[in-house]
Amino acid sequence: MSRYAFVFALVSLAACLPTGLHAQSGMNGILRGVTALDKNFDAADRNHDGKLSKAEAQAGSVAFIADHFDAIDAGHTGFVTKAEVHAYIEHMLMHTQPAPGSSAGKP
C-alpha cells in the first residue's frame, strides 16, 4: 500500500478508534501518527526481522496489533509485518465505513 493510501487509512481509523491521534490535527499530526506507528512496530520487533510475533506485539507498545493479531495474521504464519498491519487497517476501513457520497445510513 502506498504511503498516501496508508495516511488516508490512518486518518479514517483515527476517526473511529480511541487513540492519541484524536488530539492531533492537520497533515503534520497524521504524518506523526504514521511515523509513531512505524517506530512502535520497529521497537516491538525485538529480533529486528521485520515481523512481530504475538509475544512481541503483546510486550511492545502496539496494543492495536496485539488486540487484533489473529485477524491481521490472516495467513496464520505466527507473525505479522507492517504491510499486513497496513492491509488490515485498510480492510477494516473499507468494510466498516460507507463510501463517500453513498446512501448508507441515510433514511
Protein backbone atom coordinates (compact mmCIF):
# COMPACT_ATOMS: atom_id res chain seq x y z
CA MET A 1 0.00 0.00 0.00
CA SER A 2 1.38 3.41 -0.85
CA ARG A 3 2.25 5.82 1.94
CA TYR A 4 -0.58 8.15 0.84
CA ALA A 5 -3.13 5.35 0.94
CA PHE A 6 -1.88 4.43 4.40
CA VAL A 7 -2.14 8.05 5.55
CA PHE A 8 -5.75 8.12 4.32
CA ALA A 9 -6.46 4.85 6.12
CA LEU A 10 -4.86 6.16 9.29
CA VAL A 11 -6.95 9.34 9.18
CA SER A 12 -10.10 7.31 8.80
CA LEU A 13 -9.01 4.91 11.52
CA ALA A 14 -8.31 7.81 13.88
CA ALA A 15 -11.92 8.87 13.49
CA CYS A 16 -13.28 5.52 14.67
CA LEU A 17 -10.73 4.23 17.19
CA PRO A 18 -9.81 5.60 20.60
CA THR A 19 -6.21 6.67 20.04
CA GLY A 20 -3.97 9.59 20.80
CA LEU A 21 -4.42 10.71 17.22
CA HIS A 22 -7.70 12.44 18.10
CA ALA A 23 -5.76 15.25 19.74
CA GLN A 24 -3.67 15.83 16.65
CA SER A 25 -4.89 17.80 13.69
CA GLY A 26 -3.76 18.52 10.16
CA MET A 27 -1.36 16.69 7.91
CA ASN A 28 1.54 17.07 10.36
CA GLY A 29 -0.44 15.21 13.01
CA ILE A 30 -1.30 12.47 10.57
CA LEU A 31 2.30 12.07 9.49
CA ARG A 32 3.38 11.96 13.14
CA GLY A 33 0.82 9.20 13.68
CA VAL A 34 2.17 7.16 10.77
CA THR A 35 5.71 7.70 11.98
CA ALA A 36 4.75 6.70 15.53
CA LEU A 37 3.08 3.51 14.30
CA ASP A 38 6.16 2.54 12.32
CA LYS A 39 8.51 3.41 15.21
CA ASN A 40 6.43 1.43 17.71
CA PHE A 41 6.36 -1.54 15.34
CA ASP A 42 10.15 -1.36 14.97
CA ALA A 43 10.65 -1.00 18.74
CA ALA A 44 8.43 -4.02 19.42
CA ASP A 45 10.36 -6.06 16.83
CA ARG A 46 12.97 -7.27 19.33
CA ASN A 47 14.86 -9.56 16.93
CA HIS A 48 14.76 -6.98 14.08
CA ASP A 49 13.44 -9.41 11.46
CA GLY A 50 10.74 -7.01 10.19
CA LYS A 51 7.99 -9.14 11.69
CA LEU A 52 6.16 -9.20 15.01
CA SER A 53 5.28 -12.40 16.78
CA LYS A 54 2.25 -12.35 19.05
CA ALA A 55 4.57 -12.22 22.07
CA GLU A 56 6.48 -9.25 20.63
CA ALA A 57 3.21 -7.42 19.91
CA GLN A 58 1.90 -8.07 23.43
CA ALA A 59 5.16 -6.93 25.03
CA GLY A 60 5.58 -3.84 22.83
CA SER A 61 3.80 -0.52 22.51
CA VAL A 62 1.47 -1.80 19.78
CA ALA A 63 -1.75 -2.61 21.64
CA PHE A 64 -3.83 -2.36 18.45
CA ILE A 65 -1.68 -5.02 16.78
CA ALA A 66 -1.73 -7.23 19.88
CA ASP A 67 -5.51 -6.92 20.21
CA HIS A 68 -6.11 -7.77 16.53
CA PHE A 69 -3.14 -10.08 15.97
CA ASP A 70 -5.08 -13.15 14.85
CA ALA A 71 -7.12 -11.15 12.35
CA ILE A 72 -4.04 -9.35 11.00
CA ASP A 73 -2.23 -12.69 10.66
CA ALA A 74 -4.68 -13.93 8.05
CA GLY A 75 -2.13 -16.42 6.70
CA HIS A 76 -1.69 -17.95 10.18
CA THR A 77 2.09 -17.66 9.97
CA GLY A 78 2.52 -16.70 13.61
CA PHE A 79 3.86 -13.25 12.80
CA VAL A 80 2.73 -10.02 11.15
CA THR A 81 4.57 -7.47 9.00
CA LYS A 82 3.99 -3.73 8.64
CA ALA A 83 2.45 -4.41 5.24
CA GLU A 84 -0.03 -6.85 6.81
CA VAL A 85 -0.93 -4.34 9.53
CA HIS A 86 -1.49 -1.63 6.91
CA ALA A 87 -3.57 -4.01 4.79
CA TYR A 88 -5.67 -4.97 7.82
CA ILE A 89 -6.36 -1.34 8.65
CA GLU A 90 -7.32 -0.67 5.05
CA HIS A 91 -9.59 -3.74 5.03
CA MET A 92 -11.26 -2.63 8.28
CA LEU A 93 -11.90 0.83 6.92
CA MET A 94 -13.30 -0.43 3.65
CA HIS A 95 -15.74 -2.71 5.45
CA THR A 96 -16.81 -0.52 8.36
CA GLN A 97 -17.44 2.87 6.81
CA PRO A 98 -19.78 3.80 3.98
CA ALA A 99 -18.14 5.14 0.85
CA PRO A 100 -18.20 8.93 0.47
CA GLY A 101 -21.43 10.01 -1.20
CA SER A 102 -23.15 6.67 -0.61
CA SER A 103 -26.66 6.45 0.72
CA ALA A 104 -25.61 4.09 3.55
CA GLY A 105 -27.00 5.24 6.85
CA LYS A 106 -29.45 7.68 5.26
CA PRO A 107 -33.22 7.22 5.66
